[in-house]
Amino acid sequence: MVKGSDVLLIFVAILFPPAAAAFITGCSCDLLINILLTVLGYIPGHIHAFWLIYKKMKAEERYGQGGFRYTGNGTYAPLAQSGQPAPQAYYGATTN
């Protein structure tokens, strides 16, 4: 299911793909790859940004919103251990 935040992320990816990659991955290797792809050709940067958005949406479906962390290369890992519920995500909160 596509949420409003995902629609906004897609809109940002259409305008400037590296910004969408930065929102998803933070300052990571994927951001550098997206910048290079965008400089080499605008369409490859779009494809990479949309792929990152797709992987994020799949992680939200699998682990629930806020129940995962980005591990790089378009992969996500759950925050909860097996048998434990996922921690609640609060604005400004940090996890231990």
PDB file of N, CA and C in Angstrom:
ATOM      1  N   MET A   1       0.836  -1.173   0.000  1.00  0.00           N
ATOM      2  CA  MET A   1       0.000   0.000   0.000  1.00  0.00           C
ATOM      3  C   MET A   1       0.884   1.240   0.000  1.00  0.00           C
ATOM      4  N   VAL A   2       0.603   2.155  -0.879  1.00  0.00           N
ATOM      5  CA  VAL A   2       1.398   3.369  -1.012  1.00  0.00           C
ATOM      6  C   VAL A   2       0.849   4.422  -0.061  1.00  0.00           C
ATOM      7  N   LYS A   3       1.746   4.956   0.789  1.00  0.00           N
ATOM      8  CA  LYS A   3       1.365   5.994   1.738  1.00  0.00           C
ATOM      9  C   LYS A   3       1.723   7.358   1.170  1.00  0.00           C
ATOM     10  N   GLY A   4       1.248   8.395   1.846  1.00  0.00           N
ATOM     11  CA  GLY A   4       1.526   9.758   1.430  1.00  0.00           C
ATOM     12  C   GLY A   4       3.014  10.076   1.428  1.00  0.00           C
ATOM     13  N   SER A   5       3.747   9.532   2.405  1.00  0.00           N
ATOM     14  CA  SER A   5       5.185   9.792   2.453  1.00  0.00           C
ATOM     15  C   SER A   5       5.898   9.159   1.263  1.00  0.00           C
ATOM     16  N   ASP A   6       5.396   8.002   0.816  1.00  0.00           N
ATOM     17  CA  ASP A   6       5.994   7.354  -0.352  1.00  0.00           C
ATOM     18  C   ASP A   6       5.707   8.148  -1.625  1.00  0.00           C
ATOM     19  N   VAL A   7       4.507   8.712  -1.716  1.00  0.00           N
ATOM     20  CA  VAL A   7       4.168   9.545  -2.879  1.00  0.00           C
ATOM     21  C   VAL A   7       5.072  10.773  -2.917  1.00  0.00           C
ATOM     22  N   LEU A   8       5.296  11.398  -1.761  1.00  0.00           N
ATOM     23  CA  LEU A   8       6.187  12.552  -1.696  1.00  0.00           C
ATOM     24  C   LEU A   8       7.619  12.153  -2.059  1.00  0.00           C
ATOM     25  N   LEU A   9       8.045  10.991  -1.615  1.00  0.00           N
ATOM     26  CA  LEU A   9       9.377  10.494  -1.937  1.00  0.00           C
ATOM     27  C   LEU A   9       9.516  10.249  -3.438  1.00  0.00           C
ATOM     28  N   ILE A  10       8.494   9.718  -4.069  1.00  0.00           N
ATOM     29  CA  ILE A  10       8.511   9.510  -5.523  1.00  0.00           C
ATOM     30  C   ILE A  10       8.575  10.848  -6.248  1.00  0.00           C
ATOM     31  N   PHE A  11       7.839  11.834  -5.769  1.00  0.00           N
ATOM     32  CA  PHE A  11       7.871  13.168  -6.372  1.00  0.00           C
ATOM     33  C   PHE A  11       9.268  13.783  -6.269  1.00  0.00           C
ATOM     34  N   VAL A  12       9.907  13.629  -5.114  1.00  0.00           N
ATOM     35  CA  VAL A  12      11.276  14.134  -4.934  1.00  0.00           C
ATOM     36  C   VAL A  12      12.225  13.388  -5.870  1.00  0.00           C
ATOM     37  N   ALA A  13      12.021  12.080  -6.034  1.00  0.00           N
ATOM     38  CA  ALA A  13      12.885  11.282  -6.918  1.00  0.00           C
ATOM     39  C   ALA A  13      12.742  11.729  -8.375  1.00  0.00           C
ATOM     40  N   ILE A  14      11.558  12.168  -8.756  1.00  0.00           N
ATOM     41  CA  ILE A  14      11.365  12.658 -10.123  1.00  0.00           C
ATOM     42  C   ILE A  14      12.132  13.961 -10.330  1.00  0.00           C
ATOM     43  N   LEU A  15      12.085  14.848  -9.345  1.00  0.00           N
ATOM     44  CA  LEU A  15      12.758  16.142  -9.474  1.00  0.00           C
ATOM     45  C   LEU A  15      14.271  16.039  -9.332  1.00  0.00           C
ATOM     46  N   PHE A  16      14.725  15.326  -8.298  1.00  0.00           N
ATOM     47  CA  PHE A  16      16.170  15.241  -8.023  1.00  0.00           C
ATOM     48  C   PHE A  16      16.468  13.905  -7.337  1.00  0.00           C
ATOM     49  N   PRO A  17      16.845  12.892  -8.102  1.00  0.00           N
ATOM     50  CA  PRO A  17      17.038  11.547  -7.549  1.00  0.00           C
ATOM     51  C   PRO A  17      18.002  11.446  -6.363  1.00  0.00           C
ATOM     52  N   PRO A  18      19.128  12.177  -6.321  1.00  0.00           N
ATOM     53  CA  PRO A  18      20.008  12.040  -5.155  1.00  0.00           C
ATOM     54  C   PRO A  18      19.355  12.471  -3.842  1.00  0.00           C
ATOM     55  N   ALA A  19      18.430  13.418  -3.892  1.00  0.00           N
ATOM     56  CA  ALA A  19      17.748  13.829  -2.662  1.00  0.00           C
ATOM     57  C   ALA A  19      16.896  12.687  -2.127  1.00  0.00           C
ATOM     58  N   ALA A  20      16.197  11.985  -2.996  1.00  0.00           N
ATOM     59  CA  ALA A  20      15.394  10.837  -2.562  1.00  0.00           C
ATOM     60  C   ALA A  20      16.293   9.739  -1.999  1.00  0.00           C
ATOM     61  N   ALA A  21      17.428   9.503  -2.634  1.00  0.00           N
ATOM     62  CA  ALA A  21      18.365   8.494  -2.140  1.00  0.00           C
ATOM     63  C   ALA A  21      18.905   8.897  -0.766  1.00  0.00           C
ATOM     64  N   ALA A  22      19.144  10.176  -0.557  1.00  0.00           N
ATOM     65  CA  ALA A  22      19.638  10.649   0.735  1.00  0.00           C
ATOM     66  C   ALA A  22      18.586  10.475   1.817  1.00  0.00           C
ATOM     67  N   PHE A  23      17.323  10.726   1.492  1.00  0.00           N
ATOM     68  CA  PHE A  23      16.254  10.543   2.469  1.00  0.00           C
ATOM     69  C   PHE A  23      16.139   9.085   2.888  1.00  0.00           C
ATOM     70  N   ILE A  24      16.349   8.175   1.968  1.00  0.00           N
ATOM     71  CA  ILE A  24      16.182   6.751   2.256  1.00  0.00           C
ATOM     72  C   ILE A  24      17.408   6.174   2.952  1.00  0.00           C
ATOM     73  N   THR A  25      18.592   6.434   2.411  1.00  0.00           N
ATOM     74  CA  THR A  25      19.799   5.746   2.883  1.00  0.00           C
ATOM     75  C   THR A  25      20.675   6.576   3.793  1.00  0.00           C
ATOM     76  N   GLY A  26      20.448   7.875   3.849  1.00  0.00           N
ATOM     77  CA  GLY A  26      21.342   8.735   4.605  1.00  0.00           C
ATOM     78  C   GLY A  26      22.631   8.924   3.815  1.00  0.00           C
ATOM     79  N   CYS A  27      23.693   9.262   4.500  1.00  0.00           N
ATOM     80  CA  CYS A  27      24.978   9.459   3.835  1.00  0.00           C
ATOM     81  C   CYS A  27      25.662   8.091   3.728  1.00  0.00           C
ATOM     82  N   SER A  28      25.418   7.431   2.617  1.00  0.00           N
ATOM     83  CA  SER A  28      25.951   6.084   2.440  1.00  0.00           C
ATOM     84  C   SER A  28      26.517   5.933   1.035  1.00  0.00           C
ATOM     85  N   CYS A  29      27.002   4.758   0.766  1.00  0.00           N
ATOM     86  CA  CYS A  29      27.544   4.444  -0.546  1.00  0.00           C
ATOM     87  C   CYS A  29      26.457   4.534  -1.619  1.00  0.00           C
ATOM     88  N   ASP A  30      25.218   4.167  -1.255  1.00  0.00           N
ATOM     89  CA  ASP A  30      24.116   4.256  -2.216  1.00  0.00           C
ATOM     90  C   ASP A  30      23.860   5.694  -2.648  1.00  0.00           C
ATOM     91  N   LEU A  31      24.059   6.638  -1.750  1.00  0.00           N
ATOM     92  CA  LEU A  31      23.912   8.048  -2.121  1.00  0.00           C
ATOM     93  C   LEU A  31      24.984   8.437  -3.135  1.00  0.00           C
ATOM     94  N   LEU A  32      26.213   8.029  -2.906  1.00  0.00           N
ATOM     95  CA  LEU A  32      27.291   8.326  -3.847  1.00  0.00           C
ATOM     96  C   LEU A  32      27.032   7.676  -5.205  1.00  0.00           C
ATOM     97  N   ILE A  33      26.557   6.441  -5.190  1.00  0.00           N
ATOM     98  CA  ILE A  33      26.229   5.760  -6.448  1.00  0.00           C
ATOM     99  C   ILE A  33      25.143   6.520  -7.187  1.00  0.00           C
ATOM    100  N   ASN A  34      24.123   6.982  -6.455  1.00  0.00           N
ATOM    101  CA  ASN A  34      23.034   7.693  -7.103  1.00  0.00           C
ATOM    102  C   ASN A  34      23.507   9.028  -7.673  1.00  0.00           C
ATOM    103  N   ILE A  35      24.372   9.715  -6.973  1.00  0.00           N
ATOM    104  CA  ILE A  35      24.909  10.983  -7.494  1.00  0.00           C
ATOM    105  C   ILE A  35      25.685  10.724  -8.781  1.00  0.00           C
ATOM    106  N   LEU A  36      26.533   9.692  -8.778  1.00  0.00           N
ATOM    107  CA  LEU A  36      27.308   9.381  -9.981  1.00  0.00           C
ATOM    108  C   LEU A  36      26.411   8.967 -11.141  1.00  0.00           C
ATOM    109  N   LEU A  37      25.387   8.151 -10.859  1.00  0.00           N
ATOM    110  CA  LEU A  37      24.464   7.747 -11.921  1.00  0.00           C
ATOM    111  C   LEU A  37      23.695   8.943 -12.472  1.00  0.00           C
ATOM    112  N   THR A  38      23.327   9.876 -11.610  1.00  0.00           N
ATOM    113  CA  THR A  38      22.595  11.061 -12.061  1.00  0.00           C
ATOM    114  C   THR A  38      23.492  11.957 -12.908  1.00  0.00           C
ATOM    115  N   VAL A  39      24.765  12.066 -12.528  1.00  0.00           N
ATOM    116  CA  VAL A  39      25.698  12.883 -13.315  1.00  0.00           C
ATOM    117  C   VAL A  39      25.962  12.221 -14.667  1.00  0.00           C
ATOM    118  N   LEU A  40      26.107  10.904 -14.677  1.00  0.00           N
ATOM    119  CA  LEU A  40      26.381  10.204 -15.936  1.00  0.00           C
ATOM    120  C   LEU A  40      25.175  10.194 -16.863  1.00  0.00           C
ATOM    121  N   GLY A  41      24.009  10.163 -16.309  1.00  0.00           N
ATOM    122  CA  GLY A  41      22.780  10.185 -17.099  1.00  0.00           C
ATOM    123  C   GLY A  41      21.608  10.302 -16.156  1.00  0.00           C
ATOM    124  N   TYR A  42      20.719  11.198 -16.436  1.00  0.00           N
ATOM    125  CA  TYR A  42      19.623  11.479 -15.517  1.00  0.00           C
ATOM    126  C   TYR A  42      18.726  10.259 -15.311  1.00  0.00           C
ATOM    127  N   ILE A  43      18.471   9.490 -16.354  1.00  0.00           N
ATOM    128  CA  ILE A  43      17.594   8.323 -16.271  1.00  0.00           C
ATOM    129  C   ILE A  43      18.174   7.222 -15.375  1.00  0.00           C
ATOM    130  N   PRO A  44      19.458   6.881 -15.450  1.00  0.00           N
ATOM    131  CA  PRO A  44      19.995   5.877 -14.521  1.00  0.00           C
ATOM    132  C   PRO A  44      19.858   6.292 -13.048  1.00  0.00           C
ATOM    133  N   GLY A  45      19.994   7.578 -12.772  1.00  0.00           N
ATOM    134  CA  GLY A  45      19.784   8.065 -11.411  1.00  0.00           C
ATOM    135  C   GLY A  45      18.353   7.862 -10.957  1.00  0.00           C
ATOM    136  N   HIS A  46      17.408   8.087 -11.877  1.00  0.00           N
ATOM    137  CA  HIS A  46      15.999   7.845 -11.567  1.00  0.00           C
ATOM    138  C   HIS A  46      15.746   6.369 -11.274  1.00  0.00           C
ATOM    139  N   ILE A  47      16.270   5.509 -12.108  1.00  0.00           N
ATOM    140  CA  ILE A  47      16.054   4.070 -11.939  1.00  0.00           C
ATOM    141  C   ILE A  47      16.579   3.613 -10.580  1.00  0.00           C
ATOM    142  N   HIS A  48      17.759   4.072 -10.207  1.00  0.00           N
ATOM    143  CA  HIS A  48      18.341   3.694  -8.925  1.00  0.00           C
ATOM    144  C   HIS A  48      17.499   4.230  -7.769  1.00  0.00           C
ATOM    145  N   ALA A  49      17.050   5.474  -7.856  1.00  0.00           N
ATOM    146  CA  ALA A  49      16.227   6.052  -6.790  1.00  0.00           C
ATOM    147  C   ALA A  49      14.907   5.300  -6.651  1.00  0.00           C
ATOM    148  N   PHE A  50      14.274   4.969  -7.765  1.00  0.00           N
ATOM    149  CA  PHE A  50      13.013   4.232  -7.708  1.00  0.00           C
ATOM    150  C   PHE A  50      13.225   2.820  -7.171  1.00  0.00           C
ATOM    151  N   TRP A  51      14.367   2.209  -7.465  1.00  0.00           N
ATOM    152  CA  TRP A  51      14.692   0.895  -6.918  1.00  0.00           C
ATOM    153  C   TRP A  51      14.838   0.978  -5.396  1.00  0.00           C
ATOM    154  N   LEU A  52      15.496   2.025  -4.897  1.00  0.00           N
ATOM    155  CA  LEU A  52      15.635   2.206  -3.455  1.00  0.00           C
ATOM    156  C   LEU A  52      14.277   2.421  -2.793  1.00  0.00           C
ATOM    157  N   ILE A  53      13.405   3.184  -3.438  1.00  0.00           N
ATOM    158  CA  ILE A  53      12.060   3.409  -2.902  1.00  0.00           C
ATOM    159  C   ILE A  53      11.293   2.090  -2.857  1.00  0.00           C
ATOM    160  N   TYR A  54      11.391   1.314  -3.916  1.00  0.00           N
ATOM    161  CA  TYR A  54      10.714   0.015  -3.973  1.00  0.00           C
ATOM    162  C   TYR A  54      11.191  -0.895  -2.836  1.00  0.00           C
ATOM    163  N   LYS A  55      12.509  -0.960  -2.619  1.00  0.00           N
ATOM    164  CA  LYS A  55      13.046  -1.811  -1.566  1.00  0.00           C
ATOM    165  C   LYS A  55      12.578  -1.340  -0.186  1.00  0.00           C
ATOM    166  N   LYS A  56      12.483  -0.022   0.015  1.00  0.00           N
ATOM    167  CA  LYS A  56      11.996   0.523   1.279  1.00  0.00           C
ATOM    168  C   LYS A  56      10.535   0.155   1.498  1.00  0.00           C
ATOM    169  N   MET A  57       9.722   0.247   0.455  1.00  0.00           N
ATOM    170  CA  MET A  57       8.311  -0.097   0.566  1.00  0.00           C
ATOM    171  C   MET A  57       8.140  -1.586   0.881  1.00  0.00           C
ATOM    172  N   LYS A  58       8.960  -2.434   0.281  1.00  0.00           N
ATOM    173  CA  LYS A  58       8.907  -3.866   0.565  1.00  0.00           C
ATOM    174  C   LYS A  58       9.300  -4.154   2.023  1.00  0.00           C
ATOM    175  N   ALA A  59      10.291  -3.421   2.544  1.00  0.00           N
ATOM    176  CA  ALA A  59      10.695  -3.603   3.935  1.00  0.00           C
ATOM    177  C   ALA A  59       9.580  -3.168   4.877  1.00  0.00           C
ATOM    178  N   GLU A  60       8.859  -2.096   4.537  1.00  0.00           N
ATOM    179  CA  GLU A  60       7.731  -1.661   5.365  1.00  0.00           C
ATOM    180  C   GLU A  60       6.627  -2.709   5.370  1.00  0.00           C
ATOM    181  N   GLU A  61       6.394  -3.352   4.238  1.00  0.00           N
ATOM    182  CA  GLU A  61       5.387  -4.408   4.183  1.00  0.00           C
ATOM    183  C   GLU A  61       5.809  -5.617   5.019  1.00  0.00           C
ATOM    184  N   ARG A  62       7.073  -5.933   4.974  1.00  0.00           N
ATOM    185  CA  ARG A  62       7.556  -7.137   5.654  1.00  0.00           C
ATOM    186  C   ARG A  62       7.720  -6.943   7.159  1.00  0.00           C
ATOM    187  N   TYR A  63       8.311  -5.811   7.588  1.00  0.00           N
ATOM    188  CA  TYR A  63       8.653  -5.604   8.983  1.00  0.00           C
ATOM    189  C   TYR A  63       7.753  -4.604   9.696  1.00  0.00           C
ATOM    190  N   GLY A  64       6.893  -3.909   8.970  1.00  0.00           N
ATOM    191  CA  GLY A  64       6.073  -2.871   9.571  1.00  0.00           C
ATOM    192  C   GLY A  64       6.819  -1.552   9.578  1.00  0.00           C
ATOM    193  N   GLN A  65       6.070  -0.474   9.692  1.00  0.00           N
ATOM    194  CA  GLN A  65       6.697   0.841   9.652  1.00  0.00           C
ATOM    195  C   GLN A  65       7.555   1.058  10.895  1.00  0.00           C
ATOM    196  N   GLY A  66       8.809   1.395  10.686  1.00  0.00           N
ATOM    197  CA  GLY A  66       9.733   1.633  11.785  1.00  0.00           C
ATOM    198  C   GLY A  66      10.335   0.376  12.384  1.00  0.00           C
ATOM    199  N   GLY A  67      10.005  -0.793  11.863  1.00  0.00           N
ATOM    200  CA  GLY A  67      10.502  -2.040  12.425  1.00  0.00           C
ATOM    201  C   GLY A  67      11.717  -2.587  11.716  1.00  0.00           C
ATOM    202  N   PHE A  68      12.460  -1.727  11.008  1.00  0.00           N
ATOM    203  CA  PHE A  68      13.614  -2.184  10.243  1.00  0.00           C
ATOM    204  C   PHE A  68      14.669  -1.097  10.209  1.00  0.00           C
ATOM    205  N   ARG A  69      15.865  -1.493   9.811  1.00  0.00           N
ATOM    206  CA  ARG A  69      16.947  -0.520   9.614  1.00  0.00           C
ATOM    207  C   ARG A  69      17.632  -0.832   8.296  1.00  0.00           C
ATOM    208  N   TYR A  70      18.152   0.209   7.670  1.00  0.00           N
ATOM    209  CA  TYR A  70      18.828   0.060   6.385  1.00  0.00           C
ATOM    210  C   TYR A  70      20.231  -0.467   6.630  1.00  0.00           C
ATOM    211  N   THR A  71      20.596  -1.556   5.954  1.00  0.00           N
ATOM    212  CA  THR A  71      21.921  -2.147   6.148  1.00  0.00           C
ATOM    213  C   THR A  71      22.843  -1.947   4.956  1.00  0.00           C
ATOM    214  N   GLY A  72      22.352  -1.284   3.923  1.00  0.00           N
ATOM    215  CA  GLY A  72      23.176  -1.022   2.746  1.00  0.00           C
ATOM    216  C   GLY A  72      22.828  -1.911   1.584  1.00  0.00           C
ATOM    217  N   ASN A  73      23.166  -1.458   0.397  1.00  0.00           N
ATOM    218  CA  ASN A  73      22.952  -2.203  -0.835  1.00  0.00           C
ATOM    219  C   ASN A  73      21.490  -2.578  -1.054  1.00  0.00           C
ATOM    220  N   GLY A  74      20.580  -1.701  -0.606  1.00  0.00           N
ATOM    221  CA  GLY A  74      19.161  -1.939  -0.805  1.00  0.00           C
ATOM    222  C   GLY A  74      18.567  -3.011   0.073  1.00  0.00           C
ATOM    223  N   THR A  75      19.254  -3.379   1.149  1.00  0.00           N
ATOM    224  CA  THR A  75      18.745  -4.418   2.045  1.00  0.00           C
ATOM    225  C   THR A  75      18.384  -3.816   3.400  1.00  0.00           C
ATOM    226  N   TYR A  76      17.445  -4.467   4.050  1.00  0.00           N
ATOM    227  CA  TYR A  76      16.957  -4.029   5.347  1.00  0.00           C
ATOM    228  C   TYR A  76      16.976  -5.208   6.303  1.00  0.00           C
ATOM    229  N   ALA A  77      17.132  -4.912   7.589  1.00  0.00           N
ATOM    230  CA  ALA A  77      17.123  -5.928   8.627  1.00  0.00           C
ATOM    231  C   ALA A  77      16.111  -5.523   9.693  1.00  0.00           C
ATOM    232  N   PRO A  78      15.436  -6.497  10.313  1.00  0.00           N
ATOM    233  CA  PRO A  78      14.468  -6.148  11.354  1.00  0.00           C
ATOM    234  C   PRO A  78      15.169  -5.627  12.602  1.00  0.00           C
ATOM    235  N   LEU A  79      14.483  -4.748  13.319  1.00  0.00           N
ATOM    236  CA  LEU A  79      15.036  -4.236  14.573  1.00  0.00           C
ATOM    237  C   LEU A  79      14.802  -5.201  15.726  1.00  0.00           C
ATOM    238  N   ALA A  80      13.695  -5.939  15.696  1.00  0.00           N
ATOM    239  CA  ALA A  80      13.333  -6.821  16.807  1.00  0.00           C
ATOM    240  C   ALA A  80      14.054  -8.155  16.699  1.00  0.00           C
ATOM    241  N   GLN A  81      14.343  -8.739  17.841  1.00  0.00           N
ATOM    242  CA  GLN A  81      14.876 -10.092  17.891  1.00  0.00           C
ATOM    243  C   GLN A  81      13.721 -11.058  17.677  1.00  0.00           C
ATOM    244  N   SER A  82      14.017 -12.293  17.353  1.00  0.00           N
ATOM    245  CA  SER A  82      12.949 -13.274  17.132  1.00  0.00           C
ATOM    246  C   SER A  82      12.171 -13.491  18.424  1.00  0.00           C
ATOM    247  N   GLY A  83      10.849 -13.475  18.301  1.00  0.00           N
ATOM    248  CA  GLY A  83       9.989 -13.694  19.451  1.00  0.00           C
ATOM    249  C   GLY A  83       9.668 -12.436  20.235  1.00  0.00           C
ATOM    250  N   GLN A  84      10.273 -11.305  19.897  1.00  0.00           N
ATOM    251  CA  GLN A  84      10.005 -10.055  20.590  1.00  0.00           C
ATOM    252  C   GLN A  84       9.283  -9.109  19.642  1.00  0.00           C
ATOM    253  N   PRO A  85       8.378  -8.294  20.164  1.00  0.00           N
ATOM    254  CA  PRO A  85       7.696  -7.337  19.290  1.00  0.00           C
ATOM    255  C   PRO A  85       8.646  -6.236  18.845  1.00  0.00           C
ATOM    256  N   ALA A  86       8.357  -5.656  17.701  1.00  0.00           N
ATOM    257  CA  ALA A  86       9.180  -4.564  17.186  1.00  0.00           C
ATOM    258  C   ALA A  86       8.998  -3.336  18.060  1.00  0.00           C
ATOM    259  N   PRO A  87      10.068  -2.577  18.304  1.00  0.00           N
ATOM    260  CA  PRO A  87       9.945  -1.379  19.130  1.00  0.00           C
ATOM    261  C   PRO A  87       9.130  -0.303  18.417  1.00  0.00           C
ATOM    262  N   GLN A  88       8.444   0.505  19.197  1.00  0.00           N
ATOM    263  CA  GLN A  88       7.677   1.610  18.641  1.00  0.00           C
ATOM    264  C   GLN A  88       8.633   2.719  18.228  1.00  0.00           C
ATOM    265  N   ALA A  89       8.340   3.344  17.101  1.00  0.00           N
ATOM    266  CA  ALA A  89       9.171   4.439  16.611  1.00  0.00           C
ATOM    267  C   ALA A  89       8.530   5.760  17.040  1.00  0.00           C
ATOM    268  N   TYR A  90       9.219   6.555  17.820  1.00  0.00           N
ATOM    269  CA  TYR A  90       8.741   7.841  18.252  1.00  0.00           C
ATOM    270  C   TYR A  90       9.622   8.932  17.671  1.00  0.00           C
ATOM    271  N   TYR A  91       9.053  10.075  17.435  1.00  0.00           N
ATOM    272  CA  TYR A  91       9.805  11.182  16.850  1.00  0.00           C
ATOM    273  C   TYR A  91      10.916  11.608  17.793  1.00  0.00           C
ATOM    274  N   GLY A  92      12.132  11.633  17.284  1.00  0.00           N
ATOM    275  CA  GLY A  92      13.266  12.086  18.081  1.00  0.00           C
ATOM    276  C   GLY A  92      13.808  11.056  19.043  1.00  0.00           C
ATOM    277  N   ALA A  93      13.223   9.893  19.096  1.00  0.00           N
ATOM    278  CA  ALA A  93      13.683   8.872  20.029  1.00  0.00           C
ATOM    279  C   ALA A  93      14.869   8.121  19.462  1.00  0.00           C
ATOM    280  N   THR A  94      15.684   7.602  20.315  1.00  0.00           N
ATOM    281  CA  THR A  94      16.799   6.760  19.885  1.00  0.00           C
ATOM    282  C   THR A  94      16.571   5.361  20.425  1.00  0.00           C
ATOM    283  N   THR A  95      17.104   4.373  19.723  1.00  0.00           N
ATOM    284  CA  THR A  95      16.968   2.992  20.188  1.00  0.00           C
ATOM    285  C   THR A  95      18.251   2.569  20.863  1.00  0.00           C
ATOM    286  N   ASN A  96      18.119   1.705  21.820  1.00  0.00           N
ATOM    287  CA  ASN A  96      19.301   1.204  22.540  1.00  0.00           C
ATOM    288  C   ASN A  96      19.778  -0.080  21.959  1.00  0.00           C
TER     289      ASN A  96
END
